[in-house]
Amino acid sequence: MKPSPTKSRYFSRPKLGDVFEVALSKGDFGYIQYVYNYRKPPVCGPLIRILPGLYASRPENISDLVAQSERFWTFYPLATLLHQGLVTKVSNEAIPERCQTFPLFKACNRNFQTGQKTWFLWDGDKEWKEDPLSPEYYDLSLCQIIGHELLVERIETTWSPRDEV
């Protein structure tokens, strides 16, 4: 009988504060930090912050990188992608105090016939309509679970949540 991958002695579950290296398509690296596991319905799972910069090699001081402001937040199937070898754990660092509160997110429903977007805000407990979206919310991260390819694309480019407004 083949052992279950999740029970393998080589598989370790991500821990809050873990920092992961993401290999990018041109040989550079990006970095993410695991900060929250959202288990309430709707179950979104691991919340990560995308740290700034692209790096040719691993920074010497990961804690300095973690102390910087994140580019954006997103939900990401971290344990699965760690197990598949698509991200590599490099450190466990204290989550900055400003990042210990669950962030406010924006989301939209798009009418594909008209192109019109109806905006909503979500704080992890409740959701409310915010339409039109006030400029003060343009930089909020999108409430979405993204896959690895989209994460890599967003890290490699100058994409920001403001682009979706």
N, C-alpha and C. Protein backbone atom coordinates (compact mmCIF):
# COMPACT_ATOMS: atom_id res chain seq x y z
N MET A 1 0.84 -1.18 0.00
CA MET A 1 0.00 0.00 0.00
C MET A 1 0.89 1.25 0.00
N LYS A 2 0.57 2.16 -0.87
CA LYS A 2 1.33 3.40 -1.00
C LYS A 2 0.93 4.37 0.11
N PRO A 3 1.90 5.01 0.78
CA PRO A 3 1.53 5.95 1.84
C PRO A 3 0.86 7.19 1.26
N SER A 4 -0.04 7.75 2.04
CA SER A 4 -0.72 8.98 1.64
C SER A 4 0.30 10.11 1.62
N PRO A 5 0.25 10.99 0.58
CA PRO A 5 1.22 12.10 0.53
C PRO A 5 1.14 12.99 1.76
N THR A 6 -0.07 13.16 2.32
CA THR A 6 -0.21 14.05 3.47
C THR A 6 0.35 13.42 4.74
N LYS A 7 0.55 12.10 4.76
CA LYS A 7 1.11 11.45 5.93
C LYS A 7 2.59 11.13 5.75
N SER A 8 3.12 11.53 4.63
CA SER A 8 4.53 11.29 4.34
C SER A 8 5.40 12.04 5.35
N ARG A 9 6.52 11.47 5.71
CA ARG A 9 7.41 12.14 6.66
C ARG A 9 8.06 13.37 6.03
N TYR A 10 7.96 13.52 4.71
CA TYR A 10 8.57 14.65 4.02
C TYR A 10 7.63 15.84 3.90
N PHE A 11 6.37 15.64 4.26
CA PHE A 11 5.38 16.71 4.08
C PHE A 11 5.18 17.43 5.40
N SER A 12 5.38 18.73 5.41
CA SER A 12 5.08 19.50 6.61
C SER A 12 4.05 20.56 6.25
N ARG A 13 3.13 20.75 7.13
CA ARG A 13 2.08 21.74 6.90
C ARG A 13 2.63 23.15 7.12
N PRO A 14 2.17 24.09 6.32
CA PRO A 14 2.59 25.48 6.54
C PRO A 14 2.15 25.97 7.92
N LYS A 15 2.97 26.82 8.50
CA LYS A 15 2.65 27.43 9.79
C LYS A 15 2.55 28.94 9.59
N LEU A 16 1.69 29.56 10.38
CA LEU A 16 1.56 31.01 10.30
C LEU A 16 2.93 31.65 10.47
N GLY A 17 3.23 32.60 9.62
CA GLY A 17 4.53 33.27 9.64
C GLY A 17 5.52 32.69 8.65
N ASP A 18 5.24 31.50 8.13
CA ASP A 18 6.16 30.90 7.16
C ASP A 18 6.30 31.80 5.93
N VAL A 19 7.53 31.90 5.46
CA VAL A 19 7.84 32.67 4.25
C VAL A 19 8.25 31.66 3.18
N PHE A 20 7.71 31.84 1.99
CA PHE A 20 7.96 30.91 0.89
C PHE A 20 8.55 31.64 -0.31
N GLU A 21 9.44 30.94 -0.99
CA GLU A 21 10.05 31.42 -2.22
C GLU A 21 9.23 30.87 -3.38
N VAL A 22 8.94 31.75 -4.33
CA VAL A 22 8.17 31.37 -5.52
C VAL A 22 9.09 31.55 -6.72
N ALA A 23 9.40 30.46 -7.41
CA ALA A 23 10.24 30.55 -8.62
C ALA A 23 9.41 31.17 -9.74
N LEU A 24 9.98 32.17 -10.40
CA LEU A 24 9.28 32.88 -11.47
C LEU A 24 9.78 32.40 -12.83
N SER A 25 9.08 32.77 -13.87
CA SER A 25 9.35 32.21 -15.20
C SER A 25 10.70 32.61 -15.80
N LYS A 26 11.27 33.73 -15.37
CA LYS A 26 12.54 34.18 -15.95
C LYS A 26 13.73 33.88 -15.05
N GLY A 27 13.52 33.01 -14.05
CA GLY A 27 14.62 32.62 -13.17
C GLY A 27 14.72 33.42 -11.89
N ASP A 28 13.94 34.48 -11.76
CA ASP A 28 13.94 35.26 -10.53
C ASP A 28 13.05 34.58 -9.49
N PHE A 29 13.00 35.19 -8.31
CA PHE A 29 12.17 34.68 -7.23
C PHE A 29 11.34 35.80 -6.64
N GLY A 30 10.16 35.43 -6.17
CA GLY A 30 9.30 36.31 -5.40
C GLY A 30 9.07 35.64 -4.06
N TYR A 31 8.54 36.40 -3.10
CA TYR A 31 8.35 35.86 -1.75
C TYR A 31 6.96 36.18 -1.24
N ILE A 32 6.41 35.22 -0.49
CA ILE A 32 5.09 35.36 0.10
C ILE A 32 5.17 34.96 1.57
N GLN A 33 4.25 35.49 2.38
CA GLN A 33 4.18 35.08 3.78
C GLN A 33 2.77 34.61 4.10
N TYR A 34 2.66 33.49 4.77
CA TYR A 34 1.39 32.91 5.21
C TYR A 34 0.98 33.58 6.51
N VAL A 35 -0.21 34.23 6.50
CA VAL A 35 -0.59 35.03 7.66
C VAL A 35 -1.90 34.63 8.33
N TYR A 36 -2.74 33.85 7.66
CA TYR A 36 -4.05 33.55 8.25
C TYR A 36 -4.65 32.35 7.54
N ASN A 37 -5.44 31.56 8.27
CA ASN A 37 -6.17 30.46 7.64
C ASN A 37 -7.65 30.71 7.89
N TYR A 38 -8.36 31.13 6.84
CA TYR A 38 -9.78 31.48 6.97
C TYR A 38 -10.62 30.22 6.86
N ARG A 39 -11.22 29.81 7.99
CA ARG A 39 -11.96 28.54 8.05
C ARG A 39 -13.46 28.72 8.11
N LYS A 40 -13.94 29.94 8.35
CA LYS A 40 -15.39 30.16 8.41
C LYS A 40 -15.97 30.11 7.00
N PRO A 41 -17.25 29.76 6.89
CA PRO A 41 -17.87 29.81 5.54
C PRO A 41 -17.91 31.24 5.04
N PRO A 42 -17.61 31.53 3.82
CA PRO A 42 -17.10 30.59 2.83
C PRO A 42 -15.64 30.27 3.13
N VAL A 43 -15.28 29.02 3.17
CA VAL A 43 -13.92 28.61 3.53
C VAL A 43 -12.98 29.01 2.40
N CYS A 44 -12.13 30.00 2.68
CA CYS A 44 -11.19 30.50 1.67
C CYS A 44 -9.80 29.91 1.84
N GLY A 45 -9.50 29.42 3.05
CA GLY A 45 -8.21 28.78 3.29
C GLY A 45 -7.09 29.76 3.59
N PRO A 46 -5.86 29.41 3.20
CA PRO A 46 -4.69 30.20 3.54
C PRO A 46 -4.68 31.59 2.88
N LEU A 47 -4.44 32.59 3.72
CA LEU A 47 -4.29 33.96 3.24
C LEU A 47 -2.80 34.28 3.26
N ILE A 48 -2.30 34.79 2.14
CA ILE A 48 -0.89 35.15 2.03
C ILE A 48 -0.75 36.62 1.69
N ARG A 49 0.39 37.17 2.07
CA ARG A 49 0.75 38.52 1.62
C ARG A 49 1.89 38.36 0.64
N ILE A 50 1.79 39.11 -0.45
CA ILE A 50 2.82 39.05 -1.49
C ILE A 50 3.82 40.16 -1.17
N LEU A 51 5.04 39.76 -0.93
CA LEU A 51 6.08 40.70 -0.52
C LEU A 51 6.67 41.39 -1.74
N PRO A 52 7.18 42.61 -1.57
CA PRO A 52 7.66 43.39 -2.72
C PRO A 52 8.98 42.86 -3.28
N GLY A 53 9.16 43.11 -4.57
CA GLY A 53 10.45 42.85 -5.21
C GLY A 53 10.56 41.53 -5.94
N LEU A 54 11.51 41.53 -6.89
CA LEU A 54 11.92 40.33 -7.61
C LEU A 54 13.40 40.16 -7.29
N TYR A 55 13.83 38.92 -7.07
CA TYR A 55 15.18 38.68 -6.60
C TYR A 55 15.88 37.61 -7.44
N ALA A 56 17.13 37.88 -7.81
CA ALA A 56 17.93 36.90 -8.56
C ALA A 56 18.37 35.76 -7.65
N SER A 57 18.50 36.06 -6.36
CA SER A 57 18.85 35.04 -5.37
C SER A 57 18.14 35.39 -4.07
N ARG A 58 18.13 34.48 -3.16
CA ARG A 58 17.43 34.66 -1.89
C ARG A 58 18.05 35.81 -1.10
N PRO A 59 17.23 36.76 -0.63
CA PRO A 59 17.77 37.85 0.20
C PRO A 59 18.41 37.29 1.47
N GLU A 60 19.47 37.95 1.92
CA GLU A 60 20.17 37.49 3.12
C GLU A 60 19.31 37.65 4.36
N ASN A 61 18.55 38.74 4.42
CA ASN A 61 17.77 39.02 5.62
C ASN A 61 16.28 38.98 5.28
N ILE A 62 15.68 37.82 5.45
CA ILE A 62 14.26 37.65 5.15
C ILE A 62 13.39 38.52 6.07
N SER A 63 13.83 38.71 7.32
CA SER A 63 13.02 39.50 8.25
C SER A 63 12.89 40.95 7.78
N ASP A 64 13.92 41.49 7.13
CA ASP A 64 13.81 42.85 6.57
C ASP A 64 12.77 42.89 5.45
N LEU A 65 12.72 41.85 4.65
CA LEU A 65 11.74 41.76 3.57
C LEU A 65 10.33 41.68 4.14
N VAL A 66 10.15 40.86 5.16
CA VAL A 66 8.84 40.67 5.79
C VAL A 66 8.35 41.97 6.44
N ALA A 67 9.26 42.79 6.92
CA ALA A 67 8.88 44.05 7.57
C ALA A 67 8.32 45.07 6.59
N GLN A 68 8.59 44.89 5.30
CA GLN A 68 8.10 45.84 4.29
C GLN A 68 6.60 45.66 4.06
N SER A 69 5.98 46.68 3.49
CA SER A 69 4.56 46.59 3.14
C SER A 69 4.39 45.63 1.98
N GLU A 70 3.32 44.88 2.04
CA GLU A 70 3.01 43.90 0.99
C GLU A 70 2.47 44.60 -0.25
N ARG A 71 2.62 43.95 -1.39
CA ARG A 71 2.02 44.45 -2.64
C ARG A 71 0.52 44.23 -2.63
N PHE A 72 0.11 43.05 -2.20
CA PHE A 72 -1.32 42.73 -2.09
C PHE A 72 -1.47 41.45 -1.27
N TRP A 73 -2.72 41.12 -0.95
CA TRP A 73 -3.09 39.90 -0.23
C TRP A 73 -3.91 39.03 -1.17
N THR A 74 -3.88 37.72 -0.94
CA THR A 74 -4.78 36.83 -1.68
C THR A 74 -4.89 35.50 -0.94
N PHE A 75 -5.95 34.79 -1.23
CA PHE A 75 -6.09 33.41 -0.74
C PHE A 75 -5.42 32.50 -1.77
N TYR A 76 -4.78 31.44 -1.27
CA TYR A 76 -3.92 30.63 -2.12
C TYR A 76 -3.84 29.22 -1.52
N PRO A 77 -3.98 28.17 -2.33
CA PRO A 77 -3.94 26.79 -1.81
C PRO A 77 -2.52 26.37 -1.43
N LEU A 78 -2.00 26.97 -0.40
CA LEU A 78 -0.59 26.88 -0.04
C LEU A 78 -0.10 25.46 0.24
N ALA A 79 -0.82 24.70 1.06
CA ALA A 79 -0.34 23.36 1.43
C ALA A 79 -0.21 22.47 0.19
N THR A 80 -1.18 22.55 -0.70
CA THR A 80 -1.14 21.73 -1.91
C THR A 80 0.06 22.10 -2.77
N LEU A 81 0.28 23.39 -2.95
CA LEU A 81 1.36 23.83 -3.83
C LEU A 81 2.74 23.62 -3.19
N LEU A 82 2.79 23.66 -1.87
CA LEU A 82 4.03 23.31 -1.17
C LEU A 82 4.33 21.83 -1.39
N HIS A 83 3.32 21.01 -1.24
CA HIS A 83 3.50 19.56 -1.44
C HIS A 83 3.91 19.24 -2.88
N GLN A 84 3.42 20.03 -3.84
CA GLN A 84 3.76 19.81 -5.25
C GLN A 84 5.13 20.39 -5.60
N GLY A 85 5.76 21.10 -4.67
CA GLY A 85 7.08 21.66 -4.91
C GLY A 85 7.07 22.96 -5.69
N LEU A 86 5.91 23.62 -5.76
CA LEU A 86 5.83 24.88 -6.51
C LEU A 86 6.23 26.09 -5.68
N VAL A 87 6.28 25.94 -4.36
CA VAL A 87 6.82 26.96 -3.47
C VAL A 87 7.76 26.26 -2.51
N THR A 88 8.73 27.01 -1.98
CA THR A 88 9.74 26.45 -1.08
C THR A 88 9.78 27.27 0.20
N LYS A 89 9.63 26.61 1.34
CA LYS A 89 9.71 27.33 2.61
C LYS A 89 11.16 27.76 2.84
N VAL A 90 11.34 29.05 3.19
CA VAL A 90 12.69 29.55 3.43
C VAL A 90 12.88 30.06 4.85
N SER A 91 11.79 30.35 5.56
CA SER A 91 11.93 30.93 6.88
C SER A 91 10.57 30.95 7.59
N ASN A 92 10.60 31.20 8.87
CA ASN A 92 9.39 31.53 9.62
C ASN A 92 9.71 32.82 10.34
N GLU A 93 8.92 33.84 10.07
CA GLU A 93 9.16 35.17 10.62
C GLU A 93 7.91 35.67 11.32
N ALA A 94 8.10 36.53 12.30
CA ALA A 94 6.96 37.14 12.98
C ALA A 94 6.12 37.90 11.95
N ILE A 95 4.83 37.75 12.06
CA ILE A 95 3.92 38.50 11.19
C ILE A 95 3.89 39.93 11.71
N PRO A 96 4.17 40.92 10.86
CA PRO A 96 4.17 42.31 11.33
C PRO A 96 2.85 42.65 12.03
N GLU A 97 2.93 43.47 13.06
CA GLU A 97 1.75 43.82 13.85
C GLU A 97 0.62 44.37 12.97
N ARG A 98 0.95 45.19 12.00
CA ARG A 98 -0.07 45.80 11.14
C ARG A 98 -0.79 44.75 10.28
N CYS A 99 -0.20 43.56 10.16
CA CYS A 99 -0.77 42.50 9.32
C CYS A 99 -1.51 41.44 10.13
N GLN A 100 -1.64 41.64 11.43
CA GLN A 100 -2.27 40.64 12.27
C GLN A 100 -3.78 40.79 12.33
N THR A 101 -4.29 41.90 11.83
CA THR A 101 -5.73 42.11 11.74
C THR A 101 -6.16 41.67 10.35
N PHE A 102 -7.29 40.97 10.28
CA PHE A 102 -7.78 40.51 8.98
C PHE A 102 -8.05 41.72 8.08
N PRO A 103 -7.54 41.72 6.85
CA PRO A 103 -7.70 42.90 5.98
C PRO A 103 -9.11 43.01 5.39
N LEU A 104 -9.44 44.20 4.97
CA LEU A 104 -10.67 44.46 4.24
C LEU A 104 -10.40 44.14 2.77
N PHE A 105 -11.35 43.46 2.13
CA PHE A 105 -11.22 43.08 0.72
C PHE A 105 -12.32 43.73 -0.09
N LYS A 106 -12.07 43.84 -1.39
CA LYS A 106 -13.11 44.25 -2.33
C LYS A 106 -13.40 43.08 -3.27
N ALA A 107 -14.61 43.08 -3.81
CA ALA A 107 -15.02 42.06 -4.78
C ALA A 107 -16.04 42.71 -5.70
N CYS A 108 -16.20 42.15 -6.89
CA CYS A 108 -17.20 42.71 -7.80
C CYS A 108 -17.93 41.61 -8.55
N ASN A 109 -19.14 41.95 -8.92
CA ASN A 109 -19.90 41.14 -9.86
C ASN A 109 -19.90 41.93 -11.16
N ARG A 110 -19.53 41.28 -12.24
CA ARG A 110 -19.44 41.97 -13.53
C ARG A 110 -20.58 41.51 -14.43
N ASN A 111 -21.26 42.49 -15.01
CA ASN A 111 -22.27 42.19 -16.03
C ASN A 111 -21.52 42.15 -17.36
N PHE A 112 -21.40 40.96 -17.92
CA PHE A 112 -20.59 40.81 -19.13
C PHE A 112 -21.26 41.40 -20.37
N GLN A 113 -22.55 41.65 -20.30
CA GLN A 113 -23.23 42.29 -21.43
C GLN A 113 -22.97 43.79 -21.45
N THR A 114 -22.94 44.40 -20.26
CA THR A 114 -22.77 45.85 -20.20
C THR A 114 -21.35 46.27 -19.79
N GLY A 115 -20.60 45.34 -19.21
CA GLY A 115 -19.27 45.68 -18.70
C GLY A 115 -19.33 46.35 -17.33
N GLN A 116 -20.50 46.59 -16.82
CA GLN A 116 -20.71 47.26 -15.53
C GLN A 116 -20.27 46.35 -14.38
N LYS A 117 -19.59 46.93 -13.39
CA LYS A 117 -19.17 46.19 -12.20
C LYS A 117 -19.95 46.70 -10.99
N THR A 118 -20.43 45.79 -10.18
CA THR A 118 -21.07 46.13 -8.91
C THR A 118 -20.10 45.70 -7.82
N TRP A 119 -19.70 46.64 -6.97
CA TRP A 119 -18.65 46.40 -5.99
C TRP A 119 -19.20 46.09 -4.61
N PHE A 120 -18.46 45.23 -3.89
CA PHE A 120 -18.78 44.85 -2.52
C PHE A 120 -17.50 44.89 -1.71
N LEU A 121 -17.64 45.12 -0.41
CA LEU A 121 -16.51 45.03 0.52
C LEU A 121 -16.78 43.88 1.49
N TRP A 122 -15.71 43.25 1.96
CA TRP A 122 -15.83 42.12 2.89
C TRP A 122 -14.73 42.22 3.93
N ASP A 123 -15.12 42.10 5.21
CA ASP A 123 -14.14 42.21 6.29
C ASP A 123 -13.85 40.87 6.99
N GLY A 124 -14.30 39.78 6.38
CA GLY A 124 -14.10 38.46 6.97
C GLY A 124 -15.31 37.99 7.76
N ASP A 125 -16.17 38.93 8.14
CA ASP A 125 -17.40 38.59 8.85
C ASP A 125 -18.64 38.97 8.07
N LYS A 126 -18.61 40.16 7.51
CA LYS A 126 -19.79 40.60 6.75
C LYS A 126 -19.38 41.23 5.43
N GLU A 127 -20.36 41.29 4.54
CA GLU A 127 -20.16 41.84 3.20
C GLU A 127 -21.21 42.92 2.99
N TRP A 128 -20.83 44.00 2.31
CA TRP A 128 -21.79 45.04 2.00
C TRP A 128 -21.48 45.65 0.65
N LYS A 129 -22.54 46.16 0.05
CA LYS A 129 -22.41 46.78 -1.28
C LYS A 129 -21.76 48.14 -1.13
N GLU A 130 -20.83 48.43 -1.99
CA GLU A 130 -20.13 49.73 -2.01
C GLU A 130 -20.05 50.14 -3.48
N ASP A 131 -21.17 50.63 -3.97
CA ASP A 131 -21.27 50.89 -5.40
C ASP A 131 -21.86 52.27 -5.64
N PRO A 132 -21.12 53.16 -6.27
CA PRO A 132 -19.81 52.93 -6.89
C PRO A 132 -18.72 52.78 -5.82
N LEU A 133 -17.63 52.17 -6.23
CA LEU A 133 -16.51 51.97 -5.32
C LEU A 133 -15.81 53.31 -5.10
N SER A 134 -15.68 53.71 -3.84
CA SER A 134 -15.00 54.96 -3.51
C SER A 134 -13.50 54.82 -3.77
N PRO A 135 -12.85 55.89 -4.24
CA PRO A 135 -11.41 55.84 -4.51
C PRO A 135 -10.58 55.36 -3.32
N GLU A 136 -11.05 55.59 -2.10
CA GLU A 136 -10.29 55.15 -0.92
C GLU A 136 -10.15 53.62 -0.86
N TYR A 137 -10.99 52.90 -1.61
CA TYR A 137 -10.95 51.43 -1.61
C TYR A 137 -10.28 50.85 -2.85
N TYR A 138 -9.81 51.66 -3.76
CA TYR A 138 -9.22 51.16 -5.01
C TYR A 138 -8.05 50.20 -4.77
N ASP A 139 -7.26 50.46 -3.74
CA ASP A 139 -6.06 49.65 -3.50
C ASP A 139 -6.30 48.42 -2.64
N LEU A 140 -7.54 48.20 -2.20
CA LEU A 140 -7.83 46.99 -1.44
C LEU A 140 -7.59 45.77 -2.32
N SER A 141 -7.14 44.70 -1.71
CA SER A 141 -6.94 43.46 -2.45
C SER A 141 -8.28 42.85 -2.84
N LEU A 142 -8.26 42.07 -3.91
CA LEU A 142 -9.46 41.39 -4.37
C LEU A 142 -9.71 40.16 -3.51
N CYS A 143 -10.95 39.92 -3.18
CA CYS A 143 -11.33 38.72 -2.43
C CYS A 143 -11.44 37.58 -3.43
N GLN A 144 -10.37 36.78 -3.53
CA GLN A 144 -10.37 35.67 -4.46
C GLN A 144 -9.31 34.65 -4.06
N ILE A 145 -9.54 33.43 -4.47
CA ILE A 145 -8.55 32.36 -4.30
C ILE A 145 -7.89 32.21 -5.66
N ILE A 146 -6.57 32.37 -5.71
CA ILE A 146 -5.90 32.28 -7.01
C ILE A 146 -4.99 31.06 -7.06
N GLY A 147 -4.77 30.58 -8.25
CA GLY A 147 -3.87 29.46 -8.48
C GLY A 147 -2.44 29.92 -8.66
N HIS A 148 -1.55 28.97 -8.81
CA HIS A 148 -0.13 29.27 -8.88
C HIS A 148 0.27 30.09 -10.11
N GLU A 149 -0.26 29.75 -11.27
CA GLU A 149 0.11 30.48 -12.49
C GLU A 149 -0.26 31.95 -12.39
N LEU A 150 -1.45 32.24 -11.86
CA LEU A 150 -1.86 33.64 -11.72
C LEU A 150 -1.01 34.35 -10.68
N LEU A 151 -0.67 33.67 -9.59
CA LEU A 151 0.20 34.27 -8.59
C LEU A 151 1.54 34.66 -9.22
N VAL A 152 2.14 33.75 -9.97
CA VAL A 152 3.42 34.02 -10.63
C VAL A 152 3.28 35.22 -11.57
N GLU A 153 2.23 35.24 -12.37
CA GLU A 153 2.01 36.35 -13.30
C GLU A 153 1.90 37.68 -12.56
N ARG A 154 1.16 37.70 -11.47
CA ARG A 154 0.98 38.95 -10.72
C ARG A 154 2.26 39.39 -10.02
N ILE A 155 3.06 38.45 -9.55
CA ILE A 155 4.33 38.81 -8.93
C ILE A 155 5.28 39.39 -9.97
N GLU A 156 5.32 38.79 -11.15
CA GLU A 156 6.27 39.20 -12.20
C GLU A 156 5.93 40.54 -12.83
N THR A 157 4.69 40.92 -12.80
CA THR A 157 4.27 42.15 -13.46
C THR A 157 4.04 43.26 -12.44
N THR A 158 3.66 44.38 -12.94
CA THR A 158 3.35 45.51 -12.06
C THR A 158 1.88 45.50 -11.65
N TRP A 159 1.21 44.36 -11.81
CA TRP A 159 -0.20 44.27 -11.46
C TRP A 159 -0.44 44.73 -10.03
N SER A 160 -1.55 45.42 -9.85
CA SER A 160 -1.98 45.78 -8.50
C SER A 160 -3.51 45.69 -8.46
N PRO A 161 -4.09 45.56 -7.27
CA PRO A 161 -5.55 45.48 -7.17
C PRO A 161 -6.26 46.70 -7.78
N ARG A 162 -5.57 47.82 -7.83
CA ARG A 162 -6.14 49.03 -8.43
C ARG A 162 -6.45 48.82 -9.91
N ASP A 163 -5.69 47.94 -10.57
CA ASP A 163 -5.90 47.68 -12.00
C ASP A 163 -7.29 47.11 -12.30
N GLU A 164 -7.92 46.50 -11.31
CA GLU A 164 -9.22 45.86 -11.52
C GLU A 164 -10.38 46.84 -11.43
N VAL A 165 -10.12 48.06 -10.97
CA VAL A 165 -11.17 49.06 -10.86
C VAL A 165 -11.36 49.67 -12.21
